[in-house]
């Protein structure tokens, strides 16, 4: 049984879907920690309500010293002994040293069809480009931002009159389907790409 830690920064809607899916008897993984860089993140209370241990390390206390922040975050992470780390709306860029420590064991969900639109404002950028479709990607985390091997994607048609907000809401629904499926496969050892 694989041990999974999930890192969040906000409400944790993807985290909830991952935890709920891992509660199934046939799942090859179990959640052992939900941690956040934001002590006020709504997802922490939601994780606790689901019976998952939580931790918070406020990045603002480290005033731009990413290495010190990550050293503090490593405390509860290493104590939880995760086999896999899932980034689920974790809005901090991690240093290469941190990423290398969990190489091949850290995955992320990103709200675009990578390699298109790494980074922020993905939905606005897709609309500005006139794209016919948008979507979400689950990928392995590497030291290149949003550029690790793609594990799976879900596509969402762009509709006439879409705004970044309406598109984001539809993409998020697909994220909630894609991420649990890919984590289940990843925990079972599958690395080949699987799109839905």
Protein backbone atom coordinates (compact mmCIF):
# COMPACT_ATOMS: atom_id res chain seq x y z
CA UNK A 1 0.00 0.00 0.00
CA UNK A 2 1.52 3.32 -1.12
CA UNK A 3 1.52 6.26 1.28
CA UNK A 4 0.41 9.58 -0.26
CA UNK A 5 1.00 13.14 0.96
CA UNK A 6 -0.94 15.95 -0.71
CA UNK A 7 0.23 19.57 -0.81
CA UNK A 8 -2.39 22.31 -1.15
CA UNK A 9 -2.64 26.10 -0.88
CA UNK A 10 -6.40 26.72 -0.93
CA UNK A 11 -9.77 25.01 -0.77
CA UNK A 12 -8.44 21.64 -1.78
CA UNK A 13 -11.17 20.44 -4.15
CA UNK A 14 -8.76 18.14 -6.02
CA UNK A 15 -7.33 16.93 -2.70
CA UNK A 16 -10.84 15.94 -1.57
CA UNK A 17 -11.38 13.88 -4.73
CA UNK A 18 -8.02 12.15 -4.26
CA UNK A 19 -8.73 11.34 -0.60
CA UNK A 20 -12.26 10.11 -1.33
CA UNK A 21 -10.97 7.84 -4.09
CA UNK A 22 -8.20 6.47 -1.85
CA UNK A 23 -10.86 5.45 0.69
CA UNK A 24 -12.03 2.74 -1.72
CA UNK A 25 -11.05 -0.78 -0.63
CA UNK A 26 -9.44 -1.57 -3.98
CA UNK A 27 -7.18 1.51 -4.09
CA UNK A 28 -3.40 0.86 -4.03
CA UNK A 29 -2.71 3.95 -1.89
CA UNK A 30 -3.79 5.70 1.29
CA UNK A 31 -3.55 9.39 2.29
CA UNK A 32 -1.15 9.98 5.18
CA UNK A 33 -0.86 13.79 5.20
CA UNK A 34 -2.35 16.96 3.74
CA UNK A 35 0.03 19.89 4.13
CA UNK A 36 -0.24 23.53 3.14
CA UNK A 37 1.90 26.64 2.87
CA UNK A 38 -1.17 28.58 4.05
CA UNK A 39 -2.41 27.92 7.62
CA UNK A 40 -5.79 29.42 6.62
CA UNK A 41 -6.25 27.10 3.62
CA UNK A 42 -9.81 25.80 3.65
CA UNK A 43 -8.62 22.40 2.52
CA UNK A 44 -6.91 21.70 5.85
CA UNK A 45 -10.21 21.54 7.76
CA UNK A 46 -11.74 19.48 4.97
CA UNK A 47 -8.86 16.99 5.12
CA UNK A 48 -9.14 16.75 8.90
CA UNK A 49 -12.87 16.09 8.54
CA UNK A 50 -12.00 13.21 6.21
CA UNK A 51 -9.67 11.78 8.85
CA UNK A 52 -6.37 12.75 7.22
CA UNK A 53 -3.56 14.25 9.36
CA UNK A 54 -2.71 17.84 8.42
CA UNK A 55 0.21 20.25 8.73
CA UNK A 56 0.75 23.89 7.83
CA UNK A 57 4.01 25.75 7.27
CA UNK A 58 3.38 29.43 6.54
CA UNK A 59 5.69 30.42 3.68
CA UNK A 60 5.32 34.10 4.62
CA UNK A 61 7.33 33.49 7.77
CA UNK A 62 10.37 32.71 5.60
CA UNK A 63 10.36 35.99 3.61
CA UNK A 64 11.44 34.61 0.26
CA UNK A 65 13.88 32.03 1.64
CA UNK A 66 12.53 29.03 -0.26
CA UNK A 67 15.17 26.65 1.09
CA UNK A 68 14.25 27.50 4.69
CA UNK A 69 10.54 27.15 3.94
CA UNK A 70 11.12 23.76 2.34
CA UNK A 71 13.29 22.61 5.23
CA UNK A 72 10.37 23.38 7.57
CA UNK A 73 7.90 21.64 5.23
CA UNK A 74 10.13 18.56 5.12
CA UNK A 75 9.60 18.01 8.85
CA UNK A 76 5.97 16.83 8.72
CA UNK A 77 6.47 15.38 5.24
CA UNK A 78 9.30 13.05 6.22
CA UNK A 79 7.49 12.12 9.42
CA UNK A 80 4.56 10.93 7.26
CA UNK A 81 6.95 8.78 5.15
CA UNK A 82 5.14 9.29 1.82
CA UNK A 83 5.83 7.10 -1.20
CA UNK A 84 4.08 9.63 -3.44
CA UNK A 85 3.56 13.39 -3.17
CA UNK A 86 0.62 14.96 -5.01
CA UNK A 87 0.60 18.68 -5.65
CA UNK A 88 -3.05 19.78 -5.75
CA UNK A 89 -3.28 23.54 -6.13
CA UNK A 90 0.02 24.04 -4.30
CA UNK A 91 0.99 27.56 -5.34
CA UNK A 92 4.68 27.57 -4.45
CA UNK A 93 7.52 26.86 -6.87
CA UNK A 94 9.73 24.18 -5.34
CA UNK A 95 13.52 24.23 -5.50
CA UNK A 96 15.45 21.64 -7.51
CA UNK A 97 16.87 20.22 -4.26
CA UNK A 98 13.36 19.54 -2.93
CA UNK A 99 12.14 18.10 -6.23
CA UNK A 100 15.21 15.86 -6.62
CA UNK A 101 14.63 14.44 -3.14
CA UNK A 102 11.29 13.03 -4.35
CA UNK A 103 12.30 12.38 -7.97
CA UNK A 104 9.90 10.02 -9.72
CA UNK A 105 7.49 10.17 -6.78
CA UNK A 106 5.90 13.62 -7.15
CA UNK A 107 2.99 14.44 -9.45
CA UNK A 108 1.01 17.61 -10.17
CA UNK A 109 -2.20 18.64 -11.87
CA UNK A 110 -2.06 21.68 -14.14
CA UNK A 111 -5.07 23.43 -15.73
CA UNK A 112 -3.95 23.40 -19.36
CA UNK A 113 -3.09 20.94 -22.10
CA UNK A 114 0.65 20.96 -21.52
CA UNK A 115 3.04 21.78 -23.08
CA UNK A 116 0.66 24.69 -23.80
CA UNK A 117 0.45 27.37 -21.11
CA UNK A 118 2.74 26.39 -18.26
CA UNK A 119 2.55 28.69 -15.26
CA UNK A 120 -0.40 30.94 -14.42
CA UNK A 121 -3.49 32.41 -16.14
CA UNK A 122 -3.93 29.32 -18.31
CA UNK A 123 -7.61 29.82 -19.14
CA UNK A 124 -7.23 33.46 -20.17
CA UNK A 125 -4.26 32.51 -22.33
CA UNK A 126 -6.22 29.71 -24.05
CA UNK A 127 -9.10 32.09 -24.79
CA UNK A 128 -6.77 34.83 -26.04
CA UNK A 129 -5.16 32.33 -28.40
CA UNK A 130 -8.56 31.33 -29.80
CA UNK A 131 -8.07 27.68 -28.86
CA UNK A 132 -10.94 25.30 -29.63
CA UNK A 133 -10.22 23.26 -26.53
CA UNK A 134 -8.64 23.56 -23.13
CA UNK A 135 -8.14 20.99 -20.40
CA UNK A 136 -5.97 19.64 -17.63
CA UNK A 137 -2.76 17.65 -17.40
CA UNK A 138 -1.34 15.39 -14.70
CA UNK A 139 2.43 15.18 -14.97
CA UNK A 140 5.47 14.10 -13.04
CA UNK A 141 7.18 17.01 -11.31
CA UNK A 142 10.67 17.82 -12.53
CA UNK A 143 12.93 20.82 -12.03
CA UNK A 144 11.52 22.37 -15.23
CA UNK A 145 8.22 24.10 -14.37
CA UNK A 146 5.20 22.16 -15.68
CA UNK A 147 7.44 20.24 -18.09
CA UNK A 148 7.70 16.74 -16.57
CA UNK A 149 6.50 13.57 -18.33
CA UNK A 150 2.76 13.71 -19.01
CA UNK A 151 0.78 10.96 -17.26
CA UNK A 152 -2.65 11.93 -18.56
CA UNK A 153 -4.85 14.68 -19.95
CA UNK A 154 -8.54 15.56 -20.06
CA UNK A 155 -9.88 17.85 -22.79
CA UNK A 156 -12.64 20.42 -22.50
CA UNK A 157 -14.22 22.17 -25.52
CA UNK A 158 -14.10 25.96 -25.44
CA UNK A 159 -17.63 27.31 -25.82
CA UNK A 160 -18.75 30.58 -27.44
CA UNK A 161 -18.87 33.32 -24.84
CA UNK A 162 -16.55 31.52 -22.42
CA UNK A 163 -14.75 33.66 -19.87
CA UNK A 164 -11.66 32.51 -17.97
CA UNK A 165 -14.00 31.79 -15.03
CA UNK A 166 -16.57 29.69 -16.93
CA UNK A 167 -13.81 27.75 -18.67
CA UNK A 168 -11.97 27.22 -15.37
CA UNK A 169 -15.11 25.80 -13.77
CA UNK A 170 -15.57 23.21 -16.54
CA UNK A 171 -11.88 22.30 -16.55
CA UNK A 172 -12.00 21.83 -12.77
CA UNK A 173 -14.82 19.28 -13.14
CA UNK A 174 -12.58 17.28 -15.47
CA UNK A 175 -9.60 17.67 -13.10
CA UNK A 176 -11.72 15.97 -10.44
CA UNK A 177 -12.12 12.98 -12.77
CA UNK A 178 -8.58 12.89 -14.14
CA UNK A 179 -6.41 13.26 -11.03
CA UNK A 180 -7.87 10.37 -8.98
CA UNK A 181 -7.63 8.07 -12.00
CA UNK A 182 -4.00 8.95 -12.70
CA UNK A 183 -3.00 8.69 -9.02
CA UNK A 184 -4.58 5.23 -8.86
CA UNK A 185 -2.57 4.15 -11.92
CA UNK A 186 0.63 5.83 -10.66
CA UNK A 187 0.36 4.15 -7.26
CA UNK A 188 -0.01 0.80 -9.04
CA UNK A 189 3.19 1.46 -11.00
CA UNK A 190 1.72 2.59 -14.34
CA UNK A 191 3.70 5.43 -15.93
CA UNK A 192 2.39 5.33 -19.50
CA UNK A 193 0.18 8.21 -20.54
CA UNK A 194 -3.57 7.72 -20.16
CA UNK A 195 -5.97 10.37 -21.45
CA UNK A 196 -9.68 10.56 -20.66
